[in-house]
């Protein structure tokens, strides 16, 4: 009889511990089901915030690029000087220039930027560097002759002390209008 009572007691203890484990597992599963969507939503909103921040930075750079084109056509040398990095490089169809050379070409009118029609613009970020591509139709006066050319212009900006500086500007003539 003692053996039967002991077995019943052992069985009761075993069942209670199984029920306790089962309850714990159930509670953990419920907790996971409750918290996982919150974590996923949190990651999603963090991802959305990063996309929004990236989108805002893209718009800032696209606007800055548009301003740069306006300054070039209006020969606003002081504004361009503030935008352009000291070590910047400019690549035109026939020449590679430094910052002082580029500013002198604009100031003197050796190249007169008349109109720039931006057809497409995109920005890619690599750390504190931005690569902006502008597909443009440029009307300019070069050597006294007005010319119209389709270009893909690559602009490279670097961020220094929270300010974007133009580090490179390269013109690639496109084969089609």
Protein backbone atom coordinates (compact mmCIF):
# COMPACT_ATOMS: atom_id res chain seq x y z
CA UNK A 1 0.00 0.00 0.00
CA UNK A 2 2.85 2.37 0.82
CA UNK A 3 4.27 1.64 -2.61
CA UNK A 4 0.96 2.57 -4.24
CA UNK A 5 0.73 5.80 -2.21
CA UNK A 6 4.34 6.66 -3.00
CA UNK A 7 3.74 5.98 -6.71
CA UNK A 8 0.59 8.13 -6.62
CA UNK A 9 2.53 10.92 -4.87
CA UNK A 10 5.40 10.59 -7.38
CA UNK A 11 2.87 10.61 -10.22
CA UNK A 12 1.16 13.70 -8.77
CA UNK A 13 4.52 15.47 -8.44
CA UNK A 14 5.47 14.48 -11.98
CA UNK A 15 2.13 15.70 -13.35
CA UNK A 16 2.43 18.98 -11.43
CA UNK A 17 5.95 19.56 -12.76
CA UNK A 18 4.77 18.67 -16.30
CA UNK A 19 1.83 21.05 -15.92
CA UNK A 20 4.20 23.71 -14.56
CA UNK A 21 6.60 23.20 -17.50
CA UNK A 22 3.71 23.20 -19.91
CA UNK A 23 2.37 26.40 -18.37
CA UNK A 24 5.79 28.02 -18.54
CA UNK A 25 6.24 26.99 -22.19
CA UNK A 26 2.75 28.28 -22.98
CA UNK A 27 3.44 31.57 -21.22
CA UNK A 28 6.78 31.94 -23.04
CA UNK A 29 5.10 31.21 -26.37
CA UNK A 30 2.42 33.80 -25.64
CA UNK A 31 5.05 36.32 -24.61
CA UNK A 32 6.98 35.72 -27.83
CA UNK A 33 3.83 36.04 -29.88
CA UNK A 34 3.12 39.33 -28.16
CA UNK A 35 6.65 40.80 -28.35
CA UNK A 36 7.93 39.60 -31.73
CA UNK A 37 5.48 41.76 -33.73
CA UNK A 38 6.50 44.75 -31.60
CA UNK A 39 10.17 44.07 -32.33
CA UNK A 40 9.45 43.63 -36.05
CA UNK A 41 7.39 46.82 -36.11
CA UNK A 42 10.18 48.59 -34.26
CA UNK A 43 12.72 47.40 -36.83
CA UNK A 44 10.37 48.36 -39.63
CA UNK A 45 9.90 51.86 -38.26
CA UNK A 46 13.67 52.14 -37.75
CA UNK A 47 14.15 51.05 -41.37
CA UNK A 48 11.48 53.52 -42.46
CA UNK A 49 13.22 56.27 -40.49
CA UNK A 50 16.54 55.43 -42.16
CA UNK A 51 14.87 55.48 -45.59
CA UNK A 52 13.23 58.81 -44.76
CA UNK A 53 16.55 60.25 -43.58
CA UNK A 54 18.24 58.98 -46.75
CA UNK A 55 15.43 60.42 -48.86
CA UNK A 56 15.80 63.79 -47.11
CA UNK A 57 19.57 63.78 -47.69
CA UNK A 58 18.98 62.90 -51.36
CA UNK A 59 16.63 65.86 -51.75
CA UNK A 60 19.13 68.18 -50.03
CA UNK A 61 21.86 67.13 -52.46
CA UNK A 62 19.64 67.32 -55.53
CA UNK A 63 18.60 70.84 -54.48
CA UNK A 64 22.22 71.78 -53.82
CA UNK A 65 23.18 70.50 -57.27
CA UNK A 66 20.40 72.57 -58.89
CA UNK A 67 21.66 75.63 -57.02
CA UNK A 68 25.19 74.90 -58.24
CA UNK A 69 23.99 74.86 -61.88
CA UNK A 70 22.22 78.18 -61.31
CA UNK A 71 25.34 79.67 -59.72
CA UNK A 72 27.43 78.45 -62.66
CA UNK A 73 25.09 80.10 -65.19
CA UNK A 74 24.90 83.31 -63.12
CA UNK A 75 28.69 83.26 -62.50
CA UNK A 76 28.25 83.43 -58.71
CA UNK A 77 31.89 82.71 -57.96
CA UNK A 78 31.63 83.35 -54.19
CA UNK A 79 28.79 80.83 -53.83
CA UNK A 80 30.67 78.27 -55.93
CA UNK A 81 33.89 78.88 -54.00
CA UNK A 82 32.07 78.09 -50.72
CA UNK A 83 30.56 74.90 -52.19
CA UNK A 84 33.65 73.47 -53.86
CA UNK A 85 36.23 71.49 -51.86
CA UNK A 86 39.81 72.84 -52.06
CA UNK A 87 41.05 69.57 -53.61
CA UNK A 88 38.19 69.25 -56.11
CA UNK A 89 38.73 67.96 -59.65
CA UNK A 90 36.69 68.89 -62.73
CA UNK A 91 36.64 66.77 -65.87
CA UNK A 92 35.29 68.36 -69.05
CA UNK A 93 35.31 66.88 -72.56
CA UNK A 94 38.67 68.49 -73.33
CA UNK A 95 40.33 69.24 -70.00
CA UNK A 96 40.82 68.33 -66.38
CA UNK A 97 40.88 71.28 -63.97
CA UNK A 98 41.47 72.21 -60.36
CA UNK A 99 39.13 74.38 -58.31
CA UNK A 100 40.94 77.66 -59.13
CA UNK A 101 41.03 76.79 -62.83
CA UNK A 102 37.32 75.89 -62.93
CA UNK A 103 36.32 79.08 -61.11
CA UNK A 104 38.46 81.16 -63.50
CA UNK A 105 36.86 79.50 -66.57
CA UNK A 106 33.39 80.37 -65.21
CA UNK A 107 34.38 83.87 -64.10
CA UNK A 108 36.05 84.73 -67.43
CA UNK A 109 33.19 83.33 -69.51
CA UNK A 110 35.45 80.86 -71.34
CA UNK A 111 32.55 78.48 -70.73
CA UNK A 112 29.20 80.21 -70.34
CA UNK A 113 26.52 77.93 -68.93
CA UNK A 114 23.31 79.24 -70.48
CA UNK A 115 20.67 76.62 -69.61
CA UNK A 116 20.76 73.27 -67.89
CA UNK A 117 17.75 71.02 -68.26
CA UNK A 118 17.99 68.29 -65.63
CA UNK A 119 16.18 65.26 -67.02
CA UNK A 120 17.04 62.74 -64.28
CA UNK A 121 18.82 62.89 -60.94
CA UNK A 122 19.85 60.17 -58.49
CA UNK A 123 22.02 59.98 -55.40
CA UNK A 124 23.95 57.11 -53.82
CA UNK A 125 25.60 57.31 -50.42
CA UNK A 126 28.84 55.67 -49.33
CA UNK A 127 29.54 56.67 -45.73
CA UNK A 128 30.07 60.46 -45.79
CA UNK A 129 30.34 60.55 -49.58
CA UNK A 130 27.49 61.07 -52.03
CA UNK A 131 27.59 60.31 -55.74
CA UNK A 132 25.00 62.31 -57.63
CA UNK A 133 24.20 61.52 -61.26
CA UNK A 134 22.47 64.15 -63.39
CA UNK A 135 21.29 63.40 -66.89
CA UNK A 136 21.19 66.87 -68.45
CA UNK A 137 20.77 68.77 -71.67
CA UNK A 138 23.29 71.61 -71.51
CA UNK A 139 23.25 74.73 -73.64
CA UNK A 140 26.57 76.54 -73.28
CA UNK A 141 28.80 78.96 -75.11
CA UNK A 142 32.29 77.53 -75.54
CA UNK A 143 34.92 79.51 -77.43
CA UNK A 144 32.23 81.87 -78.72
CA UNK A 145 30.09 79.04 -80.14
CA UNK A 146 26.75 78.02 -78.66
CA UNK A 147 26.57 74.25 -78.27
CA UNK A 148 23.88 71.90 -76.98
CA UNK A 149 24.96 68.56 -75.56
CA UNK A 150 23.37 65.70 -73.66
CA UNK A 151 25.53 64.74 -70.69
CA UNK A 152 25.58 62.40 -67.75
CA UNK A 153 27.24 64.48 -65.08
CA UNK A 154 28.80 62.75 -62.09
CA UNK A 155 29.05 64.94 -59.01
CA UNK A 156 30.85 63.64 -55.93
CA UNK A 157 30.14 65.34 -52.61
CA UNK A 158 31.91 64.75 -49.29
CA UNK A 159 30.48 65.73 -45.95
CA UNK A 160 32.77 67.77 -43.71
CA UNK A 161 31.63 69.21 -40.39
CA UNK A 162 28.00 68.64 -41.41
CA UNK A 163 28.40 70.48 -44.74
CA UNK A 164 28.42 68.96 -48.21
CA UNK A 165 31.38 69.96 -50.39
CA UNK A 166 31.70 69.30 -54.11
CA UNK A 167 34.80 67.13 -54.60
CA UNK A 168 34.45 66.20 -58.26
CA UNK A 169 32.39 67.07 -61.30
CA UNK A 170 32.72 65.01 -64.51
CA UNK A 171 30.92 65.41 -67.81
CA UNK A 172 30.30 62.33 -69.98
CA UNK A 173 28.70 63.12 -73.33
CA UNK A 174 25.81 60.81 -74.16
CA UNK A 175 25.45 59.32 -77.63
CA UNK A 176 21.73 60.15 -77.92
CA UNK A 177 19.73 63.29 -77.26
